[in-house]
Amino acid sequence: MLNNLSIDTSPYISNNSKTGFKGVYKHKDKFRVQLINNYKNYNLGVYDTKTLAAKKYAMTNLLLNNSIINLFLKIIVKLFP
């Protein structure tokens, strides 16, 4: 699913990360994604490639930081716990 999406991962390139992307970590022979937003830790799964993992990080970061979408997500979580 993420393979076909055109998601800009360039803002998340990191020289401090061993994988080259912020929030993407080596996990055995795959890549784990972890994001911290507003003091909450989000474990976003394990992916075959670091590019797919970086796309997941980028997409989730954009969704969490978009206030309108974030508001709708909070409402949905309250309506459907």
N, C-alpha and C. Protein backbone atom coordinates (compact mmCIF):
# COMPACT_ATOMS: atom_id res chain seq x y z
N MET A 1 0.82 -1.19 0.00
CA MET A 1 0.00 0.00 0.00
C MET A 1 0.87 1.26 0.00
N LEU A 2 1.86 1.31 0.87
CA LEU A 2 2.73 2.48 0.92
C LEU A 2 3.65 2.57 -0.29
N ASN A 3 3.87 1.44 -0.96
CA ASN A 3 4.75 1.43 -2.14
C ASN A 3 4.28 2.40 -3.20
N ASN A 4 2.97 2.48 -3.40
CA ASN A 4 2.41 3.27 -4.49
C ASN A 4 2.18 4.73 -4.13
N LEU A 5 2.32 5.09 -2.86
CA LEU A 5 2.08 6.46 -2.44
C LEU A 5 3.31 7.32 -2.67
N SER A 6 3.07 8.53 -3.14
CA SER A 6 4.15 9.49 -3.33
C SER A 6 4.21 10.37 -2.08
N ILE A 7 5.09 10.00 -1.17
CA ILE A 7 5.23 10.72 0.09
C ILE A 7 6.65 11.25 0.17
N ASP A 8 6.77 12.54 0.43
CA ASP A 8 8.09 13.18 0.52
C ASP A 8 8.73 12.84 1.86
N THR A 9 9.80 12.07 1.82
CA THR A 9 10.50 11.71 3.05
C THR A 9 11.75 12.57 3.28
N SER A 10 12.02 13.49 2.38
CA SER A 10 13.26 14.29 2.50
C SER A 10 13.33 15.13 3.78
N PRO A 11 12.20 15.64 4.33
CA PRO A 11 12.34 16.38 5.59
C PRO A 11 12.75 15.50 6.77
N TYR A 12 12.69 14.20 6.61
CA TYR A 12 12.97 13.28 7.70
C TYR A 12 14.31 12.57 7.55
N ILE A 13 15.12 13.02 6.60
CA ILE A 13 16.47 12.48 6.46
C ILE A 13 17.30 12.97 7.64
N SER A 14 18.05 12.04 8.25
CA SER A 14 18.82 12.38 9.45
C SER A 14 20.23 11.82 9.34
N ASN A 15 21.19 12.68 9.56
CA ASN A 15 22.59 12.24 9.59
C ASN A 15 22.91 11.53 10.90
N ASN A 16 22.08 11.73 11.92
CA ASN A 16 22.32 11.13 13.23
C ASN A 16 21.76 9.71 13.35
N SER A 17 20.98 9.28 12.39
CA SER A 17 20.36 7.97 12.43
C SER A 17 21.17 6.97 11.61
N LYS A 18 21.29 5.76 12.10
CA LYS A 18 22.01 4.71 11.37
C LYS A 18 21.31 4.32 10.08
N THR A 19 19.98 4.50 10.04
CA THR A 19 19.22 4.15 8.84
C THR A 19 19.14 5.32 7.85
N GLY A 20 19.45 6.52 8.33
CA GLY A 20 19.38 7.70 7.47
C GLY A 20 18.06 8.44 7.56
N PHE A 21 17.12 7.90 8.34
CA PHE A 21 15.81 8.53 8.50
C PHE A 21 15.45 8.66 9.96
N LYS A 22 14.85 9.78 10.31
CA LYS A 22 14.37 10.01 11.66
C LYS A 22 13.24 9.03 11.98
N GLY A 23 13.30 8.41 13.16
CA GLY A 23 12.25 7.52 13.62
C GLY A 23 12.28 6.13 13.04
N VAL A 24 13.28 5.81 12.22
CA VAL A 24 13.39 4.48 11.60
C VAL A 24 14.60 3.78 12.20
N TYR A 25 14.38 2.57 12.70
CA TYR A 25 15.43 1.82 13.38
C TYR A 25 15.53 0.41 12.82
N LYS A 26 16.74 -0.10 12.74
CA LYS A 26 16.97 -1.48 12.28
C LYS A 26 16.38 -2.44 13.30
N HIS A 27 15.63 -3.42 12.82
CA HIS A 27 15.02 -4.44 13.69
C HIS A 27 15.21 -5.79 13.01
N LYS A 28 16.22 -6.52 13.44
CA LYS A 28 16.62 -7.79 12.81
C LYS A 28 16.94 -7.50 11.34
N ASP A 29 16.20 -8.10 10.41
CA ASP A 29 16.47 -7.84 8.99
C ASP A 29 15.45 -6.87 8.38
N LYS A 30 14.69 -6.18 9.26
CA LYS A 30 13.68 -5.23 8.80
C LYS A 30 13.87 -3.88 9.48
N PHE A 31 12.88 -3.00 9.35
CA PHE A 31 12.99 -1.64 9.90
C PHE A 31 11.75 -1.30 10.71
N ARG A 32 11.97 -0.86 11.94
CA ARG A 32 10.91 -0.50 12.88
C ARG A 32 10.73 1.01 12.86
N VAL A 33 9.46 1.44 12.99
CA VAL A 33 9.15 2.87 12.99
C VAL A 33 8.59 3.27 14.35
N GLN A 34 9.15 4.34 14.90
CA GLN A 34 8.69 4.87 16.18
C GLN A 34 8.63 6.38 16.09
N LEU A 35 7.53 6.96 16.55
CA LEU A 35 7.35 8.40 16.51
C LEU A 35 6.88 8.89 17.87
N ILE A 36 7.44 9.98 18.34
CA ILE A 36 7.00 10.60 19.59
C ILE A 36 6.39 11.95 19.24
N ASN A 37 5.14 12.15 19.67
CA ASN A 37 4.42 13.39 19.40
C ASN A 37 3.63 13.77 20.64
N ASN A 38 3.83 15.00 21.12
CA ASN A 38 3.13 15.47 22.33
C ASN A 38 3.30 14.49 23.50
N TYR A 39 4.53 14.03 23.69
CA TYR A 39 4.89 13.14 24.79
C TYR A 39 4.23 11.77 24.70
N LYS A 40 3.68 11.42 23.54
CA LYS A 40 3.10 10.10 23.33
C LYS A 40 3.99 9.32 22.36
N ASN A 41 4.21 8.07 22.69
CA ASN A 41 5.05 7.21 21.86
C ASN A 41 4.16 6.37 20.94
N TYR A 42 4.41 6.44 19.65
CA TYR A 42 3.66 5.67 18.66
C TYR A 42 4.59 4.65 18.01
N ASN A 43 4.31 3.37 18.20
CA ASN A 43 5.04 2.32 17.51
C ASN A 43 4.24 1.99 16.26
N LEU A 44 4.84 2.26 15.10
CA LEU A 44 4.08 2.24 13.85
C LEU A 44 4.31 0.99 13.00
N GLY A 45 4.99 0.01 13.55
CA GLY A 45 5.13 -1.24 12.83
C GLY A 45 6.54 -1.50 12.32
N VAL A 46 6.66 -2.64 11.66
CA VAL A 46 7.93 -3.09 11.10
C VAL A 46 7.75 -3.28 9.60
N TYR A 47 8.72 -2.79 8.82
CA TYR A 47 8.61 -2.80 7.36
C TYR A 47 9.84 -3.44 6.73
N ASP A 48 9.67 -3.91 5.51
CA ASP A 48 10.74 -4.61 4.81
C ASP A 48 11.90 -3.69 4.42
N THR A 49 11.59 -2.45 4.08
CA THR A 49 12.64 -1.52 3.64
C THR A 49 12.62 -0.24 4.47
N LYS A 50 13.76 0.41 4.53
CA LYS A 50 13.81 1.66 5.28
C LYS A 50 13.03 2.76 4.58
N THR A 51 12.87 2.67 3.27
CA THR A 51 12.08 3.67 2.54
C THR A 51 10.60 3.56 2.90
N LEU A 52 10.08 2.34 2.97
CA LEU A 52 8.68 2.15 3.39
C LEU A 52 8.48 2.63 4.82
N ALA A 53 9.43 2.32 5.68
CA ALA A 53 9.35 2.76 7.07
C ALA A 53 9.36 4.28 7.16
N ALA A 54 10.20 4.92 6.38
CA ALA A 54 10.27 6.39 6.37
C ALA A 54 8.97 7.00 5.85
N LYS A 55 8.35 6.36 4.87
CA LYS A 55 7.06 6.85 4.36
C LYS A 55 5.99 6.77 5.45
N LYS A 56 5.99 5.68 6.21
CA LYS A 56 5.02 5.54 7.30
C LYS A 56 5.24 6.63 8.35
N TYR A 57 6.50 6.89 8.69
CA TYR A 57 6.83 7.94 9.66
C TYR A 57 6.36 9.29 9.15
N ALA A 58 6.67 9.59 7.89
CA ALA A 58 6.30 10.89 7.30
C ALA A 58 4.79 11.08 7.27
N MET A 59 4.08 10.06 6.83
CA MET A 59 2.63 10.14 6.72
C MET A 59 1.99 10.34 8.10
N THR A 60 2.43 9.58 9.08
CA THR A 60 1.87 9.68 10.42
C THR A 60 2.21 11.02 11.06
N ASN A 61 3.43 11.48 10.87
CA ASN A 61 3.83 12.77 11.42
C ASN A 61 2.99 13.90 10.85
N LEU A 62 2.74 13.85 9.55
CA LEU A 62 1.89 14.87 8.93
C LEU A 62 0.47 14.83 9.47
N LEU A 63 -0.07 13.63 9.64
CA LEU A 63 -1.43 13.50 10.17
C LEU A 63 -1.53 14.00 11.61
N LEU A 64 -0.55 13.67 12.43
CA LEU A 64 -0.58 14.09 13.83
C LEU A 64 -0.40 15.59 13.99
N ASN A 65 0.33 16.21 13.08
CA ASN A 65 0.60 17.63 13.21
C ASN A 65 -0.40 18.52 12.46
N ASN A 66 -1.31 17.92 11.75
CA ASN A 66 -2.37 18.68 11.09
C ASN A 66 -3.52 18.82 12.08
N SER A 67 -3.75 20.01 12.57
CA SER A 67 -4.70 20.21 13.67
C SER A 67 -6.13 19.79 13.32
N ILE A 68 -6.56 19.98 12.09
CA ILE A 68 -7.93 19.61 11.72
C ILE A 68 -8.07 18.10 11.73
N ILE A 69 -7.12 17.42 11.12
CA ILE A 69 -7.18 15.95 11.10
C ILE A 69 -7.03 15.42 12.52
N ASN A 70 -6.15 16.02 13.29
CA ASN A 70 -5.95 15.60 14.68
C ASN A 70 -7.23 15.74 15.48
N LEU A 71 -7.96 16.80 15.27
CA LEU A 71 -9.23 17.00 15.96
C LEU A 71 -10.22 15.90 15.59
N PHE A 72 -10.33 15.58 14.31
CA PHE A 72 -11.23 14.51 13.87
C PHE A 72 -10.81 13.17 14.46
N LEU A 73 -9.51 12.90 14.50
CA LEU A 73 -9.04 11.64 15.08
C LEU A 73 -9.41 11.54 16.55
N LYS A 74 -9.29 12.64 17.29
CA LYS A 74 -9.66 12.63 18.71
C LYS A 74 -11.16 12.38 18.87
N ILE A 75 -11.97 12.97 18.01
CA ILE A 75 -13.42 12.76 18.07
C ILE A 75 -13.76 11.31 17.76
N ILE A 76 -13.14 10.76 16.75
CA ILE A 76 -13.39 9.37 16.36
C ILE A 76 -13.01 8.43 17.48
N VAL A 77 -11.87 8.67 18.12
CA VAL A 77 -11.42 7.82 19.22
C VAL A 77 -12.41 7.88 20.38
N LYS A 78 -12.97 9.05 20.65
CA LYS A 78 -13.95 9.17 21.73
C LYS A 78 -15.27 8.51 21.36
N LEU A 79 -15.67 8.59 20.11
CA LEU A 79 -16.94 8.00 19.69
C LEU A 79 -16.86 6.47 19.57
N PHE A 80 -15.71 5.99 19.14
CA PHE A 80 -15.51 4.56 18.93
C PHE A 80 -14.29 4.08 19.70
N PRO A 81 -14.42 3.93 21.02
CA PRO A 81 -13.25 3.56 21.84
C PRO A 81 -12.78 2.14 21.59
